[in-house]
C-alpha atoms as a PDB file:
ATOM      1  CA  UNK A   1       2.444   6.559 -37.027  1.00  0.00           C
ATOM      2  CA  UNK A   2       0.664   9.789 -36.073  1.00  0.00           C
ATOM      3  CA  UNK A   3      -0.336  10.864 -32.540  1.00  0.00           C
ATOM      4  CA  UNK A   4      -3.943   9.615 -32.838  1.00  0.00           C
ATOM      5  CA  UNK A   5      -2.754   6.156 -33.900  1.00  0.00           C
ATOM      6  CA  UNK A   6      -0.183   6.091 -31.090  1.00  0.00           C
ATOM      7  CA  UNK A   7      -2.811   7.082 -28.502  1.00  0.00           C
ATOM      8  CA  UNK A   8      -5.186   4.426 -29.820  1.00  0.00           C
ATOM      9  CA  UNK A   9      -2.439   1.807 -29.610  1.00  0.00           C
ATOM     10  CA  UNK A  10      -1.384   2.862 -26.073  1.00  0.00           C
ATOM     11  CA  UNK A  11      -5.014   2.663 -24.926  1.00  0.00           C
ATOM     12  CA  UNK A  12      -5.506  -0.815 -26.419  1.00  0.00           C
ATOM     13  CA  UNK A  13      -8.086   0.584 -28.816  1.00  0.00           C
ATOM     14  CA  UNK A  14     -10.210   1.927 -25.944  1.00  0.00           C
ATOM     15  CA  UNK A  15     -11.394   5.506 -25.684  1.00  0.00           C
ATOM     16  CA  UNK A  16      -9.864   7.522 -22.855  1.00  0.00           C
ATOM     17  CA  UNK A  17     -12.172   9.085 -20.305  1.00  0.00           C
ATOM     18  CA  UNK A  18     -12.145  12.885 -20.420  1.00  0.00           C
ATOM     19  CA  UNK A  19     -12.282  14.733 -17.095  1.00  0.00           C
ATOM     20  CA  UNK A  20     -14.649  17.687 -17.460  1.00  0.00           C
ATOM     21  CA  UNK A  21     -14.831  18.859 -13.836  1.00  0.00           C
ATOM     22  CA  UNK A  22     -13.537  17.834 -10.396  1.00  0.00           C
ATOM     23  CA  UNK A  23     -15.342  19.105  -7.299  1.00  0.00           C
ATOM     24  CA  UNK A  24     -13.931  18.577  -3.796  1.00  0.00           C
ATOM     25  CA  UNK A  25     -16.672  17.126  -1.589  1.00  0.00           C
ATOM     26  CA  UNK A  26     -14.753  16.174   1.574  1.00  0.00           C
ATOM     27  CA  UNK A  27     -11.305  16.626   3.088  1.00  0.00           C
ATOM     28  CA  UNK A  28     -10.283  14.196   5.809  1.00  0.00           C
ATOM     29  CA  UNK A  29      -7.090  13.449   7.677  1.00  0.00           C
ATOM     30  CA  UNK A  30      -6.043  10.858   5.096  1.00  0.00           C
ATOM     31  CA  UNK A  31      -8.166  11.448   1.981  1.00  0.00           C
ATOM     32  CA  UNK A  32      -9.698  14.023  -0.309  1.00  0.00           C
ATOM     33  CA  UNK A  33     -12.997  12.905  -1.837  1.00  0.00           C
ATOM     34  CA  UNK A  34     -14.077  14.413  -5.149  1.00  0.00           C
ATOM     35  CA  UNK A  35     -17.024  14.164  -7.498  1.00  0.00           C
ATOM     36  CA  UNK A  36     -15.737  14.044 -11.053  1.00  0.00           C
ATOM     37  CA  UNK A  37     -17.778  14.832 -14.120  1.00  0.00           C
ATOM     38  CA  UNK A  38     -16.385  12.786 -16.988  1.00  0.00           C
ATOM     39  CA  UNK A  39     -17.115  12.173 -20.629  1.00  0.00           C
ATOM     40  CA  UNK A  40     -16.993   8.494 -21.457  1.00  0.00           C
ATOM     41  CA  UNK A  41     -18.080   6.917 -24.753  1.00  0.00           C
ATOM     42  CA  UNK A  42     -19.875  10.145 -25.698  1.00  0.00           C
ATOM     43  CA  UNK A  43     -21.845  10.407 -22.449  1.00  0.00           C
ATOM     44  CA  UNK A  44     -21.373  12.500 -19.306  1.00  0.00           C
ATOM     45  CA  UNK A  45     -21.223  10.665 -16.010  1.00  0.00           C
ATOM     46  CA  UNK A  46     -20.515  11.407 -12.342  1.00  0.00           C
ATOM     47  CA  UNK A  47     -17.745   9.338 -10.785  1.00  0.00           C
ATOM     48  CA  UNK A  48     -16.312   9.336  -7.274  1.00  0.00           C
ATOM     49  CA  UNK A  49     -12.570   9.904  -6.982  1.00  0.00           C
ATOM     50  CA  UNK A  50     -10.491   9.635  -3.821  1.00  0.00           C
ATOM     51  CA  UNK A  51      -7.014  11.146  -3.691  1.00  0.00           C
ATOM     52  CA  UNK A  52      -4.504   9.683  -1.230  1.00  0.00           C
ATOM     53  CA  UNK A  53      -0.995  11.117  -0.791  1.00  0.00           C
ATOM     54  CA  UNK A  54       0.563   7.678  -0.959  1.00  0.00           C
ATOM     55  CA  UNK A  55       1.986   5.210   1.490  1.00  0.00           C
ATOM     56  CA  UNK A  56       4.802   2.755   1.989  1.00  0.00           C
ATOM     57  CA  UNK A  57       5.144  -0.677   3.523  1.00  0.00           C
ATOM     58  CA  UNK A  58       8.012  -2.939   4.404  1.00  0.00           C
ATOM     59  CA  UNK A  59       8.671  -6.671   4.713  1.00  0.00           C
ATOM     60  CA  UNK A  60      11.052  -6.866   7.701  1.00  0.00           C
ATOM     61  CA  UNK A  61      13.080 -10.096   7.563  1.00  0.00           C
ATOM     62  CA  UNK A  62      15.031 -11.257  10.603  1.00  0.00           C
ATOM     63  CA  UNK A  63      18.356 -13.062  10.305  1.00  0.00           C
ATOM     64  CA  UNK A  64      16.626 -16.424  10.889  1.00  0.00           C
ATOM     65  CA  UNK A  65      14.166 -15.730   8.039  1.00  0.00           C
ATOM     66  CA  UNK A  66      11.124 -14.948  10.164  1.00  0.00           C
ATOM     67  CA  UNK A  67       9.068 -11.944   9.125  1.00  0.00           C
ATOM     68  CA  UNK A  68       8.106  -9.203  11.560  1.00  0.00           C
ATOM     69  CA  UNK A  69       4.361  -8.609  11.357  1.00  0.00           C
ATOM     70  CA  UNK A  70       2.055  -6.205  13.156  1.00  0.00           C
ATOM     71  CA  UNK A  71      -1.430  -6.923  14.447  1.00  0.00           C
ATOM     72  CA  UNK A  72      -3.776  -3.991  14.857  1.00  0.00           C
ATOM     73  CA  UNK A  73      -7.454  -3.145  14.945  1.00  0.00           C
ATOM     74  CA  UNK A  74      -8.853  -1.816  11.660  1.00  0.00           C
ATOM     75  CA  UNK A  75     -11.996   0.210  12.203  1.00  0.00           C
ATOM     76  CA  UNK A  76     -13.246  -0.107   8.596  1.00  0.00           C
ATOM     77  CA  UNK A  77     -13.274  -3.920   8.933  1.00  0.00           C
ATOM     78  CA  UNK A  78     -14.257  -3.963  12.632  1.00  0.00           C
ATOM     79  CA  UNK A  79     -11.565  -6.538  13.387  1.00  0.00           C
ATOM     80  CA  UNK A  80      -7.878  -7.089  14.020  1.00  0.00           C
ATOM     81  CA  UNK A  81      -5.640  -7.705  11.020  1.00  0.00           C
ATOM     82  CA  UNK A  82      -2.168  -9.159  10.590  1.00  0.00           C
ATOM     83  CA  UNK A  83      -0.100  -6.934   8.300  1.00  0.00           C
ATOM     84  CA  UNK A  84       3.375  -5.853   7.321  1.00  0.00           C
ATOM     85  CA  UNK A  85       4.318  -2.455   8.825  1.00  0.00           C
ATOM     86  CA  UNK A  86       2.959   0.371   6.685  1.00  0.00           C
ATOM     87  CA  UNK A  87       1.701   3.907   6.769  1.00  0.00           C
ATOM     88  CA  UNK A  88       0.896   6.991   4.769  1.00  0.00           C
ATOM     89  CA  UNK A  89       3.412   9.613   3.771  1.00  0.00           C
ATOM     90  CA  UNK A  90       3.797  12.467   6.232  1.00  0.00           C
ATOM     91  CA  UNK A  91       3.647  14.929   3.331  1.00  0.00           C
ATOM     92  CA  UNK A  92       3.044  14.884  -0.418  1.00  0.00           C
ATOM     93  CA  UNK A  93       6.284  13.867  -2.115  1.00  0.00           C
ATOM     94  CA  UNK A  94       7.963  12.274   0.926  1.00  0.00           C
ATOM     95  CA  UNK A  95      10.336   9.594  -0.415  1.00  0.00           C
ATOM     96  CA  UNK A  96       8.606   6.238  -0.054  1.00  0.00           C
ATOM     97  CA  UNK A  97      11.710   4.526   1.315  1.00  0.00           C
ATOM     98  CA  UNK A  98      11.919   7.128   4.112  1.00  0.00           C
ATOM     99  CA  UNK A  99       8.248   6.510   4.873  1.00  0.00           C
ATOM    100  CA  UNK A 100       8.725   2.715   4.936  1.00  0.00           C
ATOM    101  CA  UNK A 101      11.728   2.878   7.268  1.00  0.00           C
ATOM    102  CA  UNK A 102       9.895   5.300   9.572  1.00  0.00           C
ATOM    103  CA  UNK A 103       6.896   2.956   9.770  1.00  0.00           C
ATOM    104  CA  UNK A 104       9.207  -0.001  10.471  1.00  0.00           C
ATOM    105  CA  UNK A 105      10.573   1.878  13.477  1.00  0.00           C
ATOM    106  CA  UNK A 106       7.282   3.381  14.669  1.00  0.00           C
ATOM    107  CA  UNK A 107       5.042   0.326  14.296  1.00  0.00           C
ATOM    108  CA  UNK A 108       7.366  -2.655  14.660  1.00  0.00           C
ATOM    109  CA  UNK A 109      10.126  -1.260  16.827  1.00  0.00           C
ATOM    110  CA  UNK A 110      12.957  -2.130  14.436  1.00  0.00           C
ATOM    111  CA  UNK A 111      15.451  -0.135  12.422  1.00  0.00           C
ATOM    112  CA  UNK A 112      17.136  -1.492   9.336  1.00  0.00           C
ATOM    113  CA  UNK A 113      20.136  -0.570   7.245  1.00  0.00           C
ATOM    114  CA  UNK A 114      19.418  -2.620   4.096  1.00  0.00           C
ATOM    115  CA  UNK A 115      16.123  -1.915   2.331  1.00  0.00           C
ATOM    116  CA  UNK A 116      15.426  -2.930  -1.240  1.00  0.00           C
ATOM    117  CA  UNK A 117      12.472  -2.008  -3.439  1.00  0.00           C
ATOM    118  CA  UNK A 118      10.101  -4.950  -3.936  1.00  0.00           C
ATOM    119  CA  UNK A 119       7.018  -3.608  -5.722  1.00  0.00           C
ATOM    120  CA  UNK A 120       4.305  -0.972  -5.962  1.00  0.00           C
ATOM    121  CA  UNK A 121       0.603  -1.677  -5.518  1.00  0.00           C
ATOM    122  CA  UNK A 122      -2.448   0.449  -6.230  1.00  0.00           C
ATOM    123  CA  UNK A 123      -5.002  -0.533  -3.618  1.00  0.00           C
ATOM    124  CA  UNK A 124      -8.395   0.295  -5.151  1.00  0.00           C
ATOM    125  CA  UNK A 125      -7.993   1.257  -8.789  1.00  0.00           C
ATOM    126  CA  UNK A 126     -11.689   1.842  -9.523  1.00  0.00           C
ATOM    127  CA  UNK A 127     -11.977   5.028  -7.447  1.00  0.00           C
ATOM    128  CA  UNK A 128      -8.772   5.782  -5.517  1.00  0.00           C
ATOM    129  CA  UNK A 129      -5.232   6.730  -6.587  1.00  0.00           C
ATOM    130  CA  UNK A 130      -3.514   5.346  -3.469  1.00  0.00           C
ATOM    131  CA  UNK A 131      -0.134   3.875  -4.342  1.00  0.00           C
ATOM    132  CA  UNK A 132       1.946   1.901  -1.858  1.00  0.00           C
ATOM    133  CA  UNK A 133       5.680   1.402  -2.385  1.00  0.00           C
ATOM    134  CA  UNK A 134       6.798  -1.852  -0.757  1.00  0.00           C
ATOM    135  CA  UNK A 135      10.338  -2.661   0.362  1.00  0.00           C
ATOM    136  CA  UNK A 136      12.206  -5.577   1.924  1.00  0.00           C
ATOM    137  CA  UNK A 137      14.485  -4.868   4.871  1.00  0.00           C
ATOM    138  CA  UNK A 138      17.136  -7.061   6.475  1.00  0.00           C
ATOM    139  CA  UNK A 139      19.862  -6.519   9.105  1.00  0.00           C
ATOM    140  CA  UNK A 140      17.243  -5.385  11.569  1.00  0.00           C
ATOM    141  CA  UNK A 141      18.119  -3.950  14.958  1.00  0.00           C
ATOM    142  CA  UNK A 142      15.600  -3.874  17.800  1.00  0.00           C
ATOM    143  CA  UNK A 143      14.424  -0.446  18.879  1.00  0.00           C
ATOM    144  CA  UNK A 144      11.431   0.944  20.749  1.00  0.00           C
ATOM    145  CA  UNK A 145       8.069   1.299  19.065  1.00  0.00           C
ATOM    146  CA  UNK A 146       7.052   4.911  18.579  1.00  0.00           C
ATOM    147  CA  UNK A 147       3.285   4.616  18.128  1.00  0.00           C
ATOM    148  CA  UNK A 148       0.837   7.387  17.394  1.00  0.00           C
ATOM    149  CA  UNK A 149      -1.474   8.189  20.333  1.00  0.00           C
ATOM    150  CA  UNK A 150      -4.373   6.323  18.661  1.00  0.00           C
ATOM    151  CA  UNK A 151      -2.370   3.196  17.758  1.00  0.00           C
ATOM    152  CA  UNK A 152      -2.154  -0.088  19.612  1.00  0.00           C
ATOM    153  CA  UNK A 153      -0.011  -2.576  17.719  1.00  0.00           C
ATOM    154  CA  UNK A 154       1.268  -6.004  18.713  1.00  0.00           C
ATOM    155  CA  UNK A 155       4.444  -7.298  17.093  1.00  0.00           C
ATOM    156  CA  UNK A 156       4.475 -10.932  15.937  1.00  0.00           C
ATOM    157  CA  UNK A 157       7.227 -12.993  14.296  1.00  0.00           C
ATOM    158  CA  UNK A 158       6.085 -15.383  11.573  1.00  0.00           C
ATOM    159  CA  UNK A 159       7.574 -18.059   9.344  1.00  0.00           C
ATOM    160  CA  UNK A 160       7.004 -17.377   5.648  1.00  0.00           C
ATOM    161  CA  UNK A 161       5.269 -20.729   5.073  1.00  0.00           C
ATOM    162  CA  UNK A 162       2.797 -20.033   7.891  1.00  0.00           C
ATOM    163  CA  UNK A 163       1.959 -16.624   6.395  1.00  0.00           C
ATOM    164  CA  UNK A 164       1.386 -18.217   2.995  1.00  0.00           C
ATOM    165  CA  UNK A 165      -0.951 -20.760   4.593  1.00  0.00           C
ATOM    166  CA  UNK A 166      -2.956 -17.924   6.161  1.00  0.00           C
ATOM    167  CA  UNK A 167      -3.177 -16.213   2.756  1.00  0.00           C
ATOM    168  CA  UNK A 168      -4.381 -19.329   0.934  1.00  0.00           C
ATOM    169  CA  UNK A 169      -6.855 -20.151   3.724  1.00  0.00           C
ATOM    170  CA  UNK A 170      -8.408 -16.698   3.307  1.00  0.00           C
ATOM    171  CA  UNK A 171      -7.406 -15.673   6.821  1.00  0.00           C
ATOM    172  CA  UNK A 172      -5.158 -12.819   5.685  1.00  0.00           C
ATOM    173  CA  UNK A 173      -6.928 -10.382   3.374  1.00  0.00           C
ATOM    174  CA  UNK A 174      -4.968  -7.122   3.549  1.00  0.00           C
ATOM    175  CA  UNK A 175      -4.070  -6.552  -0.102  1.00  0.00           C
ATOM    176  CA  UNK A 176      -0.656  -4.935   0.377  1.00  0.00           C
ATOM    177  CA  UNK A 177       0.400  -7.671   2.791  1.00  0.00           C
ATOM    178  CA  UNK A 178      -0.799 -10.523   0.580  1.00  0.00           C
ATOM    179  CA  UNK A 179       0.954  -9.033  -2.458  1.00  0.00           C
ATOM    180  CA  UNK A 180       4.141  -8.310  -0.519  1.00  0.00           C
ATOM    181  CA  UNK A 181       4.432 -11.751   1.094  1.00  0.00           C
ATOM    182  CA  UNK A 182       3.832 -13.592  -2.175  1.00  0.00           C
ATOM    183  CA  UNK A 183       6.189 -11.300  -4.119  1.00  0.00           C
ATOM    184  CA  UNK A 184       8.876 -11.695  -1.429  1.00  0.00           C
ATOM    185  CA  UNK A 185       8.513 -15.479  -1.645  1.00  0.00           C
ATOM    186  CA  UNK A 186       8.697 -15.489  -5.440  1.00  0.00           C
ATOM    187  CA  UNK A 187      11.666 -13.125  -5.652  1.00  0.00           C
ATOM    188  CA  UNK A 188      13.856 -14.277  -2.753  1.00  0.00           C
ATOM    189  CA  UNK A 189      12.842 -17.783  -1.700  1.00  0.00           C
ATOM    190  CA  UNK A 190      12.638 -19.907  -4.854  1.00  0.00           C
END
């Protein structure tokens, strides 16, 4: 099988999009927004692309099985959300496990010695490359929260079944949290 046949097979018979130009339009504290010029199916098009340096999240499980959750205000949604602790990398290439354990301490006020990889999620695949590595942590020890100056986070302890009910009732919509809770249940609780 030659390279062209292999590429066709790997792309499920679909034509790859060719990036012709990428122009930085905005640099923020979390994102870089670009306008890409692409060639797709023989035509040129302009597509938005957002680069994110990556993030990590953690499912903190207490000895009694309850899950440590954080409640915080999310400006983009104009409401409070219930989530697992998470945050962006401090720098490009920071190990995701280090990031997850740091966020566990900073946001939830716990430190853990046993963390295991659970999954990776891409949050908005149509226009953003954000990737979140998600871990499960047990053997938690209480510590002090170490919040950023602009953060106000309440810590809540939840039973897994109650979190699943909130997911299925449409009351919990944070994608990383929904994926993490359901994956944790499927992997560890069945």
